[in-house]
């Protein structure tokens, strides 16, 4: 598996977790919705941390810029984290009137963000084995 494929697969996994959450919200199954929301937020936040600690600095190093696209990506992570927190709180309060529209906004923003990463950022970075180990990619080994 290529590094870009691993990162895209992580996006897809987060999307699957999010779809499960949306299903629980739609059915107003609040206990599983709370667990699904926790799982989604934890997985996405972990992915964001990988990008912020490994991928974004690599892009800045390769591109020679500290400002620009990565600054926008970091800002989008902040916005997405705020939406995730708001959704988490709405799920805890079992407020379907807030959950459904908030989930729609989060889904759109996340799709736009992931699209930029997958089409521009990931191909540009050409990740090395060392970078992949830092990302905890299961396809990388210390010897390779």
Protein backbone atom coordinates (compact mmCIF):
# COMPACT_ATOMS: atom_id res chain seq x y z
CA UNK A 1 0.00 0.00 0.00
CA UNK A 2 1.31 3.42 -0.94
CA UNK A 3 1.52 6.10 1.77
CA UNK A 4 -1.11 8.24 0.07
CA UNK A 5 -3.42 5.23 0.00
CA UNK A 6 -2.97 4.72 3.74
CA UNK A 7 -3.87 8.34 4.45
CA UNK A 8 -6.85 8.20 2.12
CA UNK A 9 -7.92 4.95 3.78
CA UNK A 10 -7.82 6.78 7.12
CA UNK A 11 -10.13 9.42 5.67
CA UNK A 12 -12.49 6.69 4.50
CA UNK A 13 -12.45 5.01 7.91
CA UNK A 14 -13.33 8.32 9.57
CA UNK A 15 -16.15 8.73 7.05
CA UNK A 16 -17.48 5.27 7.92
CA UNK A 17 -17.42 6.10 11.62
CA UNK A 18 -19.21 9.36 10.88
CA UNK A 19 -21.91 7.61 8.81
CA UNK A 20 -22.54 5.22 11.70
CA UNK A 21 -22.88 8.21 14.02
CA UNK A 22 -25.34 9.89 11.66
CA UNK A 23 -27.42 6.72 11.55
CA UNK A 24 -27.63 6.57 15.34
CA UNK A 25 -28.58 10.25 15.48
CA UNK A 26 -31.29 9.81 12.83
CA UNK A 27 -32.77 6.91 14.79
CA UNK A 28 -32.25 8.76 18.08
CA UNK A 29 -30.32 5.83 19.54
CA UNK A 30 -28.41 8.00 21.97
CA UNK A 31 -26.24 5.50 23.83
CA UNK A 32 -24.68 4.07 20.65
CA UNK A 33 -24.59 7.62 19.21
CA UNK A 34 -22.48 8.74 22.15
CA UNK A 35 -20.01 5.89 21.63
CA UNK A 36 -19.96 6.44 17.87
CA UNK A 37 -19.34 10.15 18.37
CA UNK A 38 -16.49 9.42 20.77
CA UNK A 39 -14.95 6.91 18.33
CA UNK A 40 -15.25 9.27 15.37
CA UNK A 41 -13.83 12.27 17.21
CA UNK A 42 -10.92 10.27 18.67
CA UNK A 43 -9.99 8.76 15.30
CA UNK A 44 -10.21 12.05 13.43
CA UNK A 45 -8.31 13.94 16.10
CA UNK A 46 -5.55 11.31 16.00
CA UNK A 47 -5.39 11.65 12.22
CA UNK A 48 -5.20 15.44 12.53
CA UNK A 49 -2.33 15.09 15.02
CA UNK A 50 -0.44 12.84 12.58
CA UNK A 51 -0.85 15.39 9.83
CA UNK A 52 0.10 18.34 12.04
CA UNK A 53 3.17 16.65 13.50
CA UNK A 54 4.49 14.86 10.40
CA UNK A 55 2.84 15.72 7.13
CA UNK A 56 2.44 19.48 7.46
CA UNK A 57 6.03 20.11 8.60
CA UNK A 58 7.22 17.88 5.74
CA UNK A 59 5.20 19.90 3.24
CA UNK A 60 6.61 23.15 4.65
CA UNK A 61 10.13 21.77 4.43
CA UNK A 62 9.68 20.59 0.84
CA UNK A 63 7.84 23.70 -0.25
CA UNK A 64 10.03 26.16 1.68
CA UNK A 65 6.97 28.03 2.94
CA UNK A 66 5.76 28.50 6.49
CA UNK A 67 2.62 30.30 5.35
CA UNK A 68 0.11 29.45 2.69
CA UNK A 69 -1.67 26.13 2.14
CA UNK A 70 -0.59 24.50 5.39
CA UNK A 71 -1.66 27.52 7.41
CA UNK A 72 -5.11 27.12 5.83
CA UNK A 73 -5.11 23.37 6.58
CA UNK A 74 -4.25 23.98 10.24
CA UNK A 75 -7.01 26.58 10.47
CA UNK A 76 -9.45 24.09 8.95
CA UNK A 77 -8.41 21.53 11.57
CA UNK A 78 -9.25 24.08 14.27
CA UNK A 79 -12.65 24.71 12.70
CA UNK A 80 -13.34 21.00 12.35
CA UNK A 81 -12.35 20.37 15.97
CA UNK A 82 -14.80 23.09 17.07
CA UNK A 83 -17.56 21.44 15.01
CA UNK A 84 -16.66 18.03 16.45
CA UNK A 85 -16.86 19.41 19.99
CA UNK A 86 -20.21 21.07 19.29
CA UNK A 87 -21.55 17.84 17.83
CA UNK A 88 -20.21 15.84 20.76
CA UNK A 89 -22.02 18.17 23.18
CA UNK A 90 -25.26 17.98 21.18
CA UNK A 91 -25.11 14.18 21.17
CA UNK A 92 -24.49 14.15 24.93
CA UNK A 93 -27.57 16.36 25.35
CA UNK A 94 -29.54 14.13 22.98
CA UNK A 95 -30.59 17.15 20.94
CA UNK A 96 -31.58 15.88 17.50
CA UNK A 97 -32.61 19.39 16.39
CA UNK A 98 -28.99 20.51 16.79
CA UNK A 99 -27.24 17.23 15.90
CA UNK A 100 -28.63 16.74 12.41
CA UNK A 101 -27.79 20.17 10.92
CA UNK A 102 -24.46 20.30 12.74
CA UNK A 103 -23.55 16.87 11.37
CA UNK A 104 -24.38 18.12 7.88
CA UNK A 105 -22.06 21.12 8.23
CA UNK A 106 -19.29 18.94 9.65
CA UNK A 107 -19.67 16.44 6.83
CA UNK A 108 -19.39 19.15 4.13
CA UNK A 109 -16.39 20.83 5.75
CA UNK A 110 -14.63 17.52 6.27
CA UNK A 111 -15.23 16.46 2.67
CA UNK A 112 -13.79 19.75 1.35
CA UNK A 113 -10.76 19.47 3.63
CA UNK A 114 -10.03 15.84 2.75
CA UNK A 115 -10.44 16.57 -0.96
CA UNK A 116 -7.69 19.20 -0.81
CA UNK A 117 -5.36 16.90 1.08
CA UNK A 118 -5.92 13.94 -1.22
CA UNK A 119 -5.58 15.85 -4.47
CA UNK A 120 -2.77 18.27 -3.58
CA UNK A 121 -1.00 17.65 -0.30
CA UNK A 122 -0.51 13.88 -0.20
CA UNK A 123 0.87 13.51 -3.74
CA UNK A 124 3.22 16.47 -3.24
CA UNK A 125 4.85 15.12 -0.08
CA UNK A 126 6.09 11.76 -1.38
CA UNK A 127 6.36 10.37 2.15
CA UNK A 128 9.41 8.35 3.17
CA UNK A 129 9.55 5.30 5.42
CA UNK A 130 10.66 7.47 8.36
CA UNK A 131 7.65 9.73 7.85
CA UNK A 132 5.38 6.70 7.65
CA UNK A 133 6.73 5.30 10.91
CA UNK A 134 5.97 8.63 12.53
CA UNK A 135 2.42 8.33 11.15
CA UNK A 136 2.15 4.82 12.64
CA UNK A 137 1.49 3.40 9.16
CA UNK A 138 1.08 -0.36 9.51
CA UNK A 139 2.73 -0.96 6.12
CA UNK A 140 6.06 0.59 7.16
CA UNK A 141 8.72 -1.32 9.01
CA UNK A 142 11.78 0.02 10.79
CA UNK A 143 14.00 -2.06 8.54
CA UNK A 144 12.42 -0.85 5.28
